[in-house]
């Protein structure tokens, strides 16, 4: 599996395009908010002759969903996320206004994912791991064959997701990370929602929250 990282919007959010030798790909958390960011994402997919099979969101905070409508309309896929985060889409316009941003249309969620669901593309299969606490519907996506984890805002290098946002829960987040993520192989590469990649082994040894 090959992974391309884009850093989009003033929130410095990581958008991922993952693909393999079949040229099938998946887009994770499209945070492209400007026309130039949308073009950068589209140009990469065109240049590499990729076929978009899925759009998935680790959670539905606005910085991870800015590009949902663009991706849906451009590639004919529907966003998939956990039902428990759906309420965040109803607040997205007001949230954007708080940051001086305009969100003219409200994305919708028509397909749902939960613990244990799989998302296949090419020869890769991602498995959803539900780790609430940053948001009630936060999902991580794990590929055992390559020891790769897309963690969203659950786990960062040396940190964890904030829990002071609507329906956040610190104890729930710590329990979920401990019980579901730290049990993964230590060599697992963690692709975070913001900032650099890390590994499970590094976080077990160095993360002050864990």
Protein backbone atom coordinates (compact mmCIF):
# COMPACT_ATOMS: atom_id res chain seq x y z
CA UNK A 1 0.00 0.00 0.00
CA UNK A 2 1.24 3.45 -0.97
CA UNK A 3 0.07 6.45 1.04
CA UNK A 4 0.07 10.07 -0.09
CA UNK A 5 -0.36 12.75 2.57
CA UNK A 6 -1.81 16.21 1.93
CA UNK A 7 -1.86 18.91 4.62
CA UNK A 8 -4.94 21.04 4.05
CA UNK A 9 -6.72 24.10 5.48
CA UNK A 10 -5.66 26.46 8.28
CA UNK A 11 -6.21 23.53 10.65
CA UNK A 12 -3.20 21.73 9.08
CA UNK A 13 -5.26 18.57 8.72
CA UNK A 14 -3.82 15.42 7.15
CA UNK A 15 -5.76 14.05 4.19
CA UNK A 16 -4.67 10.63 2.97
CA UNK A 17 -4.92 8.88 -0.38
CA UNK A 18 -4.05 5.19 -0.06
CA UNK A 19 -3.66 2.91 -3.07
CA UNK A 20 -1.88 -0.19 -4.34
CA UNK A 21 -0.67 -1.73 -7.58
CA UNK A 22 -4.25 -2.17 -8.83
CA UNK A 23 -4.63 1.64 -8.91
CA UNK A 24 -7.73 1.45 -6.75
CA UNK A 25 -7.62 4.02 -3.97
CA UNK A 26 -9.38 5.31 -0.91
CA UNK A 27 -9.60 8.91 0.31
CA UNK A 28 -9.48 9.41 4.07
CA UNK A 29 -10.62 12.68 5.69
CA UNK A 30 -10.61 15.11 2.75
CA UNK A 31 -9.85 18.43 4.38
CA UNK A 32 -9.43 20.40 1.14
CA UNK A 33 -11.25 23.68 1.67
CA UNK A 34 -9.98 25.93 -1.14
CA UNK A 35 -10.15 25.46 -4.89
CA UNK A 36 -6.37 25.10 -5.07
CA UNK A 37 -6.42 22.36 -2.44
CA UNK A 38 -9.20 20.54 -4.29
CA UNK A 39 -7.19 20.78 -7.51
CA UNK A 40 -4.09 19.41 -5.80
CA UNK A 41 -6.00 16.35 -4.62
CA UNK A 42 -7.64 15.83 -8.00
CA UNK A 43 -4.38 16.31 -9.89
CA UNK A 44 -2.62 13.67 -7.82
CA UNK A 45 -5.40 11.15 -8.48
CA UNK A 46 -5.37 11.95 -12.21
CA UNK A 47 -1.59 11.88 -12.54
CA UNK A 48 -1.41 8.48 -10.89
CA UNK A 49 -4.40 7.13 -12.83
CA UNK A 50 -6.19 6.15 -9.64
CA UNK A 51 -9.76 4.91 -9.32
CA UNK A 52 -11.49 6.18 -6.18
CA UNK A 53 -13.44 3.37 -4.53
CA UNK A 54 -14.29 4.83 -1.12
CA UNK A 55 -14.43 8.05 0.89
CA UNK A 56 -14.15 7.48 4.63
CA UNK A 57 -14.04 9.85 7.58
CA UNK A 58 -12.33 8.95 10.83
CA UNK A 59 -14.74 11.41 12.45
CA UNK A 60 -16.92 14.31 11.38
CA UNK A 61 -15.34 17.44 12.79
CA UNK A 62 -15.36 20.15 10.14
CA UNK A 63 -11.62 20.13 9.40
CA UNK A 64 -11.85 16.46 8.36
CA UNK A 65 -14.96 16.91 6.20
CA UNK A 66 -14.33 20.15 4.28
CA UNK A 67 -13.79 18.22 1.05
CA UNK A 68 -16.52 15.60 1.40
CA UNK A 69 -18.92 17.19 -1.06
CA UNK A 70 -16.15 17.84 -3.57
CA UNK A 71 -14.98 14.22 -3.48
CA UNK A 72 -18.53 12.86 -3.62
CA UNK A 73 -19.41 14.94 -6.67
CA UNK A 74 -16.11 14.44 -8.46
CA UNK A 75 -15.78 10.68 -7.99
CA UNK A 76 -19.33 9.46 -7.38
CA UNK A 77 -18.64 7.98 -3.94
CA UNK A 78 -20.53 8.54 -0.69
CA UNK A 79 -18.86 9.42 2.57
CA UNK A 80 -18.79 6.69 5.21
CA UNK A 81 -18.38 7.34 8.93
CA UNK A 82 -19.79 6.32 12.30
CA UNK A 83 -23.43 7.18 12.96
CA UNK A 84 -22.61 8.59 16.41
CA UNK A 85 -20.85 11.57 14.80
CA UNK A 86 -23.69 12.48 12.47
CA UNK A 87 -24.87 15.28 14.78
CA UNK A 88 -21.64 17.16 14.04
CA UNK A 89 -22.67 17.66 10.42
CA UNK A 90 -25.76 19.51 11.60
CA UNK A 91 -23.52 21.99 13.42
CA UNK A 92 -20.94 22.41 10.70
CA UNK A 93 -22.08 25.81 9.40
CA UNK A 94 -22.05 27.37 12.87
CA UNK A 95 -18.70 25.78 13.62
CA UNK A 96 -17.22 27.23 10.43
CA UNK A 97 -18.55 30.68 11.26
CA UNK A 98 -16.73 30.56 14.60
CA UNK A 99 -13.48 30.37 12.64
CA UNK A 100 -14.48 33.04 10.13
CA UNK A 101 -15.11 30.47 7.42
CA UNK A 102 -18.11 29.99 5.15
CA UNK A 103 -19.67 26.56 4.69
CA UNK A 104 -22.45 27.02 2.17
CA UNK A 105 -23.66 23.43 2.06
CA UNK A 106 -24.12 20.83 4.74
CA UNK A 107 -22.62 17.41 3.98
CA UNK A 108 -24.77 14.38 4.63
CA UNK A 109 -23.93 10.89 5.73
CA UNK A 110 -25.67 8.10 3.83
CA UNK A 111 -23.43 5.16 4.67
CA UNK A 112 -22.33 4.09 8.13
CA UNK A 113 -19.36 2.22 9.56
CA UNK A 114 -18.91 0.70 12.98
CA UNK A 115 -16.56 -1.58 14.90
CA UNK A 116 -15.27 -4.45 12.77
CA UNK A 117 -16.60 -3.21 9.42
CA UNK A 118 -14.20 -3.58 6.51
CA UNK A 119 -13.40 -1.24 3.64
CA UNK A 120 -11.70 -3.00 0.71
CA UNK A 121 -9.84 -1.45 -2.20
CA UNK A 122 -7.44 -3.21 -4.53
CA UNK A 123 -5.71 -5.92 -2.52
CA UNK A 124 -6.03 -3.98 0.74
CA UNK A 125 -8.72 -4.29 3.40
CA UNK A 126 -9.03 -1.72 6.17
CA UNK A 127 -10.86 -2.72 9.36
CA UNK A 128 -12.70 -0.12 11.44
CA UNK A 129 -11.84 0.22 15.12
CA UNK A 130 -14.25 2.35 17.18
CA UNK A 131 -12.33 4.50 19.68
CA UNK A 132 -14.68 7.20 21.03
CA UNK A 133 -13.59 10.02 23.29
CA UNK A 134 -12.34 12.71 20.91
CA UNK A 135 -15.76 12.43 19.33
CA UNK A 136 -18.38 9.74 20.02
CA UNK A 137 -17.98 8.22 16.57
CA UNK A 138 -14.22 8.34 16.15
CA UNK A 139 -12.94 5.45 14.04
CA UNK A 140 -9.43 4.23 13.33
CA UNK A 141 -8.73 2.09 10.27
CA UNK A 142 -6.22 -0.76 10.44
CA UNK A 143 -4.53 -2.84 7.77
CA UNK A 144 -2.94 -5.88 9.40
CA UNK A 145 -1.01 -6.97 6.31
CA UNK A 146 1.06 -3.78 6.24
CA UNK A 147 0.78 -2.91 9.96
CA UNK A 148 -0.75 0.47 9.13
CA UNK A 149 -3.20 2.45 11.25
CA UNK A 150 -5.09 5.60 10.23
CA UNK A 151 -5.84 7.07 13.65
CA UNK A 152 -7.70 10.28 12.88
CA UNK A 153 -7.55 12.54 15.95
CA UNK A 154 -7.50 9.66 18.44
CA UNK A 155 -3.74 9.34 18.77
CA UNK A 156 -0.90 11.70 17.82
CA UNK A 157 2.85 11.58 18.12
CA UNK A 158 3.34 12.26 21.82
CA UNK A 159 -0.26 13.26 22.40
CA UNK A 160 -3.92 12.29 22.14
CA UNK A 161 -7.06 13.89 20.74
CA UNK A 162 -8.63 16.73 22.68
CA UNK A 163 -11.72 15.80 24.68
CA UNK A 164 -13.22 19.22 25.44
CA UNK A 165 -15.32 19.27 22.27
CA UNK A 166 -19.02 18.24 22.16
CA UNK A 167 -19.52 14.73 23.61
CA UNK A 168 -15.81 14.26 24.21
CA UNK A 169 -14.74 11.98 27.05
CA UNK A 170 -11.17 11.74 28.34
CA UNK A 171 -11.50 8.47 30.27
CA UNK A 172 -13.26 6.82 27.34
CA UNK A 173 -10.50 7.93 24.97
CA UNK A 174 -7.68 6.65 27.18
CA UNK A 175 -9.46 3.32 27.72
CA UNK A 176 -10.05 2.92 23.98
CA UNK A 177 -6.45 3.68 23.05
CA UNK A 178 -5.16 1.31 25.72
CA UNK A 179 -7.53 -1.55 24.99
CA UNK A 180 -7.72 -1.33 21.19
CA UNK A 181 -4.65 0.43 19.81
CA UNK A 182 -1.75 -0.32 22.14
CA UNK A 183 -2.42 -4.04 21.66
CA UNK A 184 -1.51 -3.74 17.97
CA UNK A 185 2.01 -4.75 16.87
CA UNK A 186 4.59 -2.23 18.06
CA UNK A 187 5.88 -1.76 14.52
CA UNK A 188 2.47 -0.49 13.37
CA UNK A 189 2.84 2.85 11.60
CA UNK A 190 0.27 5.38 12.80
CA UNK A 191 -0.96 8.01 10.33
CA UNK A 192 -2.44 10.78 12.44
CA UNK A 193 -5.10 13.37 11.68
CA UNK A 194 -2.59 16.16 12.31
CA UNK A 195 1.18 16.19 12.55
CA UNK A 196 3.77 13.51 11.78
CA UNK A 197 3.42 9.76 11.69
CA UNK A 198 4.44 7.65 14.65
CA UNK A 199 4.40 4.00 15.72
CA UNK A 200 2.50 2.08 18.37
CA UNK A 201 5.79 1.08 19.99
CA UNK A 202 6.98 4.68 20.21
CA UNK A 203 3.74 5.85 21.80
CA UNK A 204 3.76 3.01 24.35
CA UNK A 205 7.19 4.11 25.48
CA UNK A 206 7.00 7.89 25.12
CA UNK A 207 3.44 9.24 25.11
CA UNK A 208 2.95 11.08 28.43
CA UNK A 209 -0.81 10.50 28.35
CA UNK A 210 -0.40 6.73 28.14
